[in-house]
Amino acid sequence: MRAFISLFLLGLALSFAPFSSWASRQVTDQLGRQVTLPDKVDRVVVLQHQTLNLLVQLDATDDIVGVLNNWKKQLGDGYTRLAPSLESKAQVGDLTSVNLESLVALHPQVVFVTNYAPQEMIDQISQTGIAVVAISLREDAKDQAGKLNPTLENEDKAYDEGLKNGIRLIGEVVNRQKQAQALIDYTFSQRQLVSQRLHNIPTDQRIRTYMANPELTTYGSGKYTGLMMAHAGAMNVAAATVKGFKQVAMEQVIAWDPQVIFVQDRYPEVVDQINQDPKWQAIDAVKNHRVYLMPEYAKAWGYPMPEALAIGELWMAKKLYPQKFTDINMQKQADDYYQRFYRTHYVGTVEMMRAGI
């Protein structure tokens, strides 16, 4: 029965494919898979929020016909302002599952998935004749490519090269190569400003920092979020004992006694919980009022985003070492980026104003 359904869906998908969209080129995705694509791709489904964000920045929003169910939660409520048409896109799955019937009905040429999407899910989509492109935004060893929490020999290289390759790949798929290279060039040229100003701070003098998420989850090693903190001059207190993204005990956070606590922009309630909960009051960062809600352009996911490298790391470094960045106006930095890649002005929300940008 399953084979019959797969064949039926395959026939259905192919029956709606115009001749001009038939496959004629190949790309290698970030799982190392060879994927055959049509010459021109202008109908894509996106089941990974990082890729969705990158497509918007590459000015390819009009090519998107379907998205993941919780894109708004992942990207934040304010993201709708940057790409209002996403509100009307069909929702056909999430990071690890898909409604195959709804997907096929959209007649996409390509489906973007995360690198840790189940193989069964990738196979189901592929069997309908629709190309599947996996995005990790990491450069991995072959045995780590499909993992959520990989072991990385060189984290900086893995994420820097992985982000560049991921953006180039997405740009190639949707025929936005020029826009992809412009995004890469701007992102990495901006990052140099922070490294130049922080290079002489000794390791033992870097500020002890903790990334707070709901339910005492945090980021340690093996995730871009930890690298973001390191590039901003922070000493991530969780790096030595936490691999990836995990829950920790309150006693452990107290023992770490971070001097600064950052909270991702999508969790403003965590800031209030930390400031009001008696258990947190003995921690240095709370006592000295250094608990900061991150602005939306500093998306501290486990995966890198260009705005995080280009302006998020700068914002974080300015919060940690304000005396080294007195000449930097973050509102202007953010607005320049948003005009260039989101084609709109940066507008901070109430939460971002609370973050003190």
Protein backbone atom coordinates (compact mmCIF):
# COMPACT_ATOMS: atom_id res chain seq x y z
CA MET A 1 0.00 0.00 0.00
CA ARG A 2 2.80 2.45 0.92
CA ALA A 3 4.54 1.78 -2.41
CA PHE A 4 1.28 2.40 -4.27
CA ILE A 5 0.76 5.72 -2.46
CA SER A 6 4.32 6.79 -3.21
CA LEU A 7 3.90 6.00 -6.90
CA PHE A 8 0.59 7.84 -6.96
CA LEU A 9 2.11 10.93 -5.38
CA LEU A 10 5.07 10.74 -7.76
CA GLY A 11 2.75 10.70 -10.74
CA LEU A 12 0.70 13.53 -9.29
CA ALA A 13 3.75 15.70 -8.74
CA LEU A 14 5.16 15.07 -12.21
CA SER A 15 1.81 15.70 -13.89
CA PHE A 16 1.87 19.30 -12.65
CA ALA A 17 5.53 19.99 -13.49
CA PRO A 18 5.89 22.26 -16.55
CA PHE A 19 8.43 21.21 -19.15
CA SER A 20 10.60 24.27 -18.47
CA SER A 21 11.07 23.22 -14.84
CA TRP A 22 12.40 19.73 -15.55
CA ALA A 23 15.73 18.90 -13.98
CA SER A 24 18.86 20.03 -15.73
CA ARG A 25 21.51 20.87 -13.09
CA GLN A 26 22.95 19.43 -9.91
CA VAL A 27 24.00 20.82 -6.55
CA THR A 28 25.59 19.17 -3.52
CA ASP A 29 23.67 19.83 -0.33
CA GLN A 30 25.18 20.06 3.16
CA LEU A 31 24.68 16.36 3.81
CA GLY A 32 26.90 15.68 0.79
CA ARG A 33 23.93 14.51 -1.34
CA GLN A 34 23.86 15.16 -5.08
CA VAL A 35 20.52 16.81 -5.85
CA THR A 36 19.15 17.37 -9.35
CA LEU A 37 17.26 20.65 -9.86
CA PRO A 38 15.36 22.46 -12.61
CA ASP A 39 17.21 25.24 -14.42
CA LYS A 40 14.98 27.84 -12.81
CA VAL A 41 13.57 27.34 -9.33
CA ASP A 42 10.73 29.64 -8.27
CA ARG A 43 8.54 27.41 -6.08
CA VAL A 44 10.11 26.24 -2.82
CA VAL A 45 8.89 24.88 0.49
CA VAL A 46 11.03 25.70 3.52
CA LEU A 47 11.02 23.38 6.55
CA GLN A 48 13.89 25.07 8.38
CA HIS A 49 13.61 28.54 9.93
CA GLN A 50 17.26 29.50 9.34
CA THR A 51 16.88 28.83 5.62
CA LEU A 52 13.61 30.76 5.62
CA ASN A 53 15.39 33.76 7.10
CA LEU A 54 18.18 33.52 4.54
CA LEU A 55 15.75 33.33 1.63
CA VAL A 56 14.10 36.53 2.83
CA GLN A 57 17.51 38.24 3.01
CA LEU A 58 18.32 37.04 -0.51
CA ASP A 59 15.11 38.72 -1.71
CA ALA A 60 13.57 35.36 -2.65
CA THR A 61 10.41 35.59 -0.51
CA ASP A 62 8.18 35.47 -3.60
CA ASP A 63 9.59 32.04 -4.46
CA ILE A 64 8.33 30.53 -1.19
CA VAL A 65 5.04 28.62 -1.45
CA GLY A 66 5.12 26.72 1.85
CA VAL A 67 6.74 27.06 5.27
CA LEU A 68 7.16 25.20 8.54
CA ASN A 69 4.29 25.35 11.01
CA ASN A 70 6.07 27.24 13.78
CA TRP A 71 8.10 29.70 11.70
CA LYS A 72 6.73 32.66 13.64
CA LYS A 73 7.70 31.20 17.00
CA GLN A 74 11.18 30.38 15.71
CA LEU A 75 11.82 33.73 14.04
CA GLY A 76 9.84 35.88 16.47
CA ASP A 77 6.52 37.68 16.14
CA GLY A 78 8.23 40.79 14.81
CA TYR A 79 9.51 38.89 11.78
CA THR A 80 6.16 39.29 10.04
CA ARG A 81 7.00 42.96 9.47
CA LEU A 82 10.06 41.94 7.46
CA ALA A 83 8.20 39.45 5.27
CA PRO A 84 4.42 39.98 5.62
CA SER A 85 3.61 37.56 2.81
CA LEU A 86 4.76 34.64 4.97
CA GLU A 87 1.49 34.94 6.88
CA SER A 88 -0.39 33.62 3.85
CA LYS A 89 1.98 30.76 2.99
CA ALA A 90 0.80 27.19 3.46
CA GLN A 91 2.16 25.41 6.53
CA VAL A 92 3.03 21.82 5.68
CA GLY A 93 5.35 20.44 8.36
CA ASP A 94 8.18 21.15 10.72
CA LEU A 95 11.85 20.33 11.24
CA THR A 96 11.31 16.58 11.48
CA SER A 97 7.94 15.82 9.84
CA VAL A 98 5.89 16.75 6.80
CA ASN A 99 2.30 16.47 5.58
CA LEU A 100 3.10 14.87 2.26
CA GLU A 101 -0.32 15.35 0.69
CA SER A 102 -0.36 19.09 1.50
CA LEU A 103 3.22 19.43 0.28
CA VAL A 104 2.58 17.81 -3.10
CA ALA A 105 -0.51 19.97 -3.60
CA LEU A 106 1.74 23.06 -3.62
CA HIS A 107 3.72 21.73 -6.62
CA PRO A 108 7.12 22.86 -5.28
CA GLN A 109 10.29 22.21 -7.25
CA VAL A 110 12.47 22.13 -4.13
CA VAL A 111 11.98 21.47 -0.41
CA PHE A 112 14.59 22.82 2.00
CA VAL A 113 15.03 20.70 5.13
CA THR A 114 17.37 20.72 8.10
CA ASN A 115 20.39 18.44 8.13
CA TYR A 116 18.90 16.31 10.94
CA ALA A 117 15.56 15.74 9.21
CA PRO A 118 14.75 12.00 9.44
CA GLN A 119 15.93 9.99 6.47
CA GLU A 120 12.41 8.59 6.09
CA MET A 121 11.07 12.13 5.68
CA ILE A 122 13.69 12.96 3.04
CA ASP A 123 12.91 9.71 1.21
CA GLN A 124 9.15 10.33 1.28
CA ILE A 125 9.53 13.75 -0.32
CA SER A 126 12.13 12.56 -2.84
CA GLN A 127 9.90 9.70 -3.98
CA THR A 128 7.33 12.23 -5.20
CA GLY A 129 9.90 13.63 -7.61
CA ILE A 130 10.47 16.83 -5.63
CA ALA A 131 14.11 17.77 -4.98
CA VAL A 132 15.17 17.87 -1.31
CA VAL A 133 18.05 20.12 -0.25
CA ALA A 134 19.43 19.75 3.30
CA ILE A 135 20.96 22.80 4.99
CA SER A 136 23.17 22.60 8.09
CA LEU A 137 25.12 25.89 7.96
CA ARG A 138 28.07 23.82 9.20
CA GLU A 139 31.05 22.23 7.52
CA ASP A 140 31.02 18.75 9.05
CA ALA A 141 32.96 15.53 8.95
CA LYS A 142 30.89 12.95 7.08
CA ASP A 143 29.85 11.09 10.25
CA GLN A 144 28.66 14.33 11.92
CA ALA A 145 26.72 15.90 9.05
CA GLY A 146 23.27 14.70 10.12
CA LYS A 147 23.61 15.39 13.84
CA LEU A 148 21.89 18.05 15.90
CA ASN A 149 24.76 18.17 18.41
CA PRO A 150 27.91 17.38 16.40
CA THR A 151 31.49 16.87 17.52
CA LEU A 152 33.52 19.57 15.78
CA GLU A 153 37.31 19.56 15.65
CA ASN A 154 37.41 23.25 14.81
CA GLU A 155 34.15 25.00 15.72
CA ASP A 156 35.08 28.36 14.22
CA LYS A 157 35.99 26.88 10.86
CA ALA A 158 32.98 24.55 10.86
CA TYR A 159 30.49 27.37 11.33
CA ASP A 160 32.26 30.08 9.33
CA GLU A 161 32.76 27.90 6.26
CA GLY A 162 29.44 26.17 6.78
CA LEU A 163 27.57 29.48 6.81
CA LYS A 164 29.32 30.67 3.66
CA ASN A 165 28.67 27.38 1.87
CA GLY A 166 25.07 27.27 3.07
CA ILE A 167 24.31 30.77 1.82
CA ARG A 168 25.98 30.02 -1.53
CA LEU A 169 23.99 26.79 -1.83
CA ILE A 170 20.65 28.47 -1.09
CA GLY A 171 21.53 31.27 -3.50
CA GLU A 172 22.42 28.77 -6.21
CA VAL A 173 19.18 26.82 -5.76
CA VAL A 174 16.96 29.91 -6.14
CA ASN A 175 19.20 31.65 -8.70
CA ARG A 176 20.32 34.41 -6.31
CA GLN A 177 24.09 33.86 -6.53
CA LYS A 178 24.94 37.58 -6.65
CA GLN A 179 22.81 38.39 -3.60
CA ALA A 180 24.31 35.43 -1.71
CA GLN A 181 27.88 36.59 -2.28
CA ALA A 182 27.00 40.16 -1.25
CA LEU A 183 25.53 38.85 2.01
CA ILE A 184 28.64 36.77 2.72
CA ASP A 185 31.04 39.62 1.95
CA TYR A 186 29.22 42.13 4.15
CA THR A 187 28.81 39.70 7.05
CA PHE A 188 32.45 38.74 7.38
CA SER A 189 33.84 42.22 6.75
CA GLN A 190 31.69 43.56 9.60
CA ARG A 191 32.87 40.86 11.97
CA GLN A 192 36.46 42.12 11.78
CA LEU A 193 35.57 45.28 13.71
CA VAL A 194 34.89 43.31 16.91
CA SER A 195 37.94 41.08 16.68
CA GLN A 196 40.24 44.06 16.12
CA ARG A 197 39.05 45.80 19.28
CA LEU A 198 39.05 42.76 21.57
CA HIS A 199 42.21 40.95 20.46
CA ASN A 200 44.31 42.14 23.41
CA ILE A 201 41.96 41.03 26.22
CA PRO A 202 43.62 38.07 28.03
CA THR A 203 41.58 34.90 28.36
CA ASP A 204 41.57 35.07 32.17
CA GLN A 205 40.15 38.61 32.06
CA ARG A 206 37.21 37.87 29.79
CA ILE A 207 33.77 38.34 31.33
CA ARG A 208 32.02 35.21 32.63
CA THR A 209 28.80 34.94 30.66
CA TYR A 210 25.76 32.67 30.65
CA MET A 211 23.11 32.23 27.95
CA ALA A 212 19.74 31.74 29.69
CA ASN A 213 16.84 29.98 27.99
CA PRO A 214 13.53 28.69 29.39
CA GLU A 215 13.65 25.86 31.94
CA LEU A 216 17.36 26.31 32.68
CA THR A 217 18.50 25.27 29.22
CA THR A 218 21.69 26.77 27.85
CA TYR A 219 24.30 26.46 25.11
CA GLY A 220 27.74 24.99 25.67
CA SER A 221 30.29 23.82 23.11
CA GLY A 222 29.46 22.62 19.60
CA LYS A 223 26.89 25.32 18.87
CA TYR A 224 27.26 28.66 17.15
CA THR A 225 25.79 30.43 20.19
CA GLY A 226 28.91 29.61 22.18
CA LEU A 227 31.08 30.93 19.35
CA MET A 228 29.01 34.10 19.22
CA MET A 229 29.81 34.69 22.87
CA ALA A 230 33.49 33.95 22.33
CA HIS A 231 33.74 36.34 19.37
CA ALA A 232 32.15 39.03 21.54
CA GLY A 233 34.83 38.57 24.18
CA ALA A 234 32.80 36.46 26.61
CA MET A 235 33.90 33.41 28.54
CA ASN A 236 30.92 31.07 28.25
CA VAL A 237 30.63 29.47 31.70
CA ALA A 238 28.87 26.42 30.23
CA ALA A 239 31.42 25.66 27.52
CA ALA A 240 33.54 23.23 29.51
CA THR A 241 30.72 21.04 30.85
CA VAL A 242 27.81 21.32 28.39
CA LYS A 243 27.85 19.92 24.87
CA GLY A 244 25.29 21.43 22.56
CA PHE A 245 21.98 22.63 24.00
CA LYS A 246 21.02 21.12 27.36
CA GLN A 247 19.22 21.71 30.64
CA VAL A 248 21.39 22.41 33.67
CA ALA A 249 20.75 22.54 37.42
CA MET A 250 20.20 25.81 39.25
CA GLU A 251 23.00 24.85 41.60
CA GLN A 252 25.35 24.70 38.63
CA VAL A 253 24.41 28.20 37.46
CA ILE A 254 24.97 29.52 40.99
CA ALA A 255 28.38 27.84 41.09
CA TRP A 256 29.30 29.38 37.71
CA ASP A 257 28.25 32.81 39.06
CA PRO A 258 28.20 34.57 35.66
CA GLN A 259 28.92 38.30 35.54
CA VAL A 260 26.58 38.81 32.58
CA ILE A 261 23.47 36.88 31.50
CA PHE A 262 22.08 37.08 27.97
CA VAL A 263 18.56 35.98 27.00
CA GLN A 264 17.42 35.39 23.43
CA ASP A 265 15.00 37.95 22.05
CA ARG A 266 12.13 35.46 21.78
CA TYR A 267 12.16 34.76 25.54
CA PRO A 268 11.52 38.13 27.26
CA GLU A 269 9.72 36.32 30.07
CA VAL A 270 13.01 34.69 31.09
CA VAL A 271 14.48 38.10 31.93
CA ASP A 272 11.60 38.77 34.34
CA GLN A 273 11.88 35.31 35.86
CA ILE A 274 15.59 35.75 36.54
CA ASN A 275 15.19 39.21 38.03
CA GLN A 276 12.26 38.20 40.25
CA ASP A 277 13.17 34.65 41.35
CA PRO A 278 14.94 34.67 44.77
CA LYS A 279 17.20 31.78 43.68
CA TRP A 280 18.95 34.02 41.13
CA GLN A 281 19.56 36.99 43.40
CA ALA A 282 22.99 35.87 44.66
CA ILE A 283 24.40 35.66 41.13
CA ASP A 284 26.78 38.46 40.14
CA ALA A 285 24.93 39.38 36.93
CA VAL A 286 21.61 39.78 38.76
CA LYS A 287 23.08 41.74 41.65
CA ASN A 288 24.74 44.16 39.22
CA HIS A 289 21.76 44.45 36.84
CA ARG A 290 23.56 42.89 33.89
CA VAL A 291 20.80 40.62 32.57
CA TYR A 292 20.22 41.58 28.94
CA LEU A 293 17.51 40.66 26.47
CA MET A 294 19.11 40.33 23.06
CA PRO A 295 17.74 42.30 20.09
CA GLU A 296 16.18 40.45 17.20
CA TYR A 297 19.26 40.87 15.03
CA ALA A 298 21.34 38.86 17.52
CA LYS A 299 19.58 35.55 17.02
CA ALA A 300 21.54 33.23 19.25
CA TRP A 301 20.43 29.98 17.68
CA GLY A 302 22.62 26.91 17.66
CA TYR A 303 23.20 27.86 14.02
CA PRO A 304 24.74 31.12 12.78
CA MET A 305 22.84 33.83 10.98
CA PRO A 306 24.50 36.65 9.02
CA GLU A 307 22.92 39.36 11.17
CA ALA A 308 24.26 37.66 14.29
CA LEU A 309 27.81 37.74 12.92
CA ALA A 310 27.57 41.17 11.33
CA ILE A 311 25.77 43.13 14.07
CA GLY A 312 24.76 40.71 16.86
CA GLU A 313 28.32 39.99 17.95
CA LEU A 314 29.01 43.72 17.89
CA TRP A 315 25.99 44.41 20.12
CA MET A 316 27.09 41.72 22.56
CA ALA A 317 30.68 42.99 22.66
CA LYS A 318 29.43 46.52 23.34
CA LYS A 319 27.35 45.23 26.28
CA LEU A 320 30.35 43.39 27.70
CA TYR A 321 33.02 46.04 27.04
CA PRO A 322 31.20 49.36 26.50
CA GLN A 323 34.39 51.40 26.89
CA LYS A 324 35.81 49.83 23.71
CA PHE A 325 32.79 50.70 21.57
CA THR A 326 31.77 54.20 22.67
CA ASP A 327 31.77 55.37 19.04
CA ILE A 328 29.38 52.65 17.88
CA ASN A 329 25.70 53.51 17.48
CA MET A 330 23.89 50.17 17.39
CA GLN A 331 20.68 51.67 16.06
CA LYS A 332 22.58 52.95 13.02
CA GLN A 333 24.48 49.67 12.60
CA ALA A 334 21.22 47.70 12.68
CA ASP A 335 19.44 50.11 10.35
CA ASP A 336 22.24 49.91 7.79
CA TYR A 337 22.00 46.12 7.80
CA TYR A 338 18.20 46.04 7.60
CA GLN A 339 18.09 48.49 4.71
CA ARG A 340 20.67 46.47 2.83
CA PHE A 341 19.24 42.96 3.31
CA TYR A 342 15.66 43.32 4.53
CA ARG A 343 14.92 46.37 2.38
CA THR A 344 13.37 48.22 5.31
CA HIS A 345 14.44 50.29 8.30
CA TYR A 346 15.26 48.64 11.61
CA VAL A 347 12.50 49.25 14.13
CA GLY A 348 13.23 48.16 17.70
CA THR A 349 10.41 46.74 19.81
CA VAL A 350 9.69 47.39 23.50
CA GLU A 351 11.73 44.32 24.43
CA MET A 352 14.70 45.56 22.46
CA MET A 353 14.51 48.93 24.19
CA ARG A 354 14.62 47.07 27.50
CA ALA A 355 17.80 45.44 26.29
CA GLY A 356 19.46 48.82 26.26
CA ILE A 357 20.61 49.02 22.65
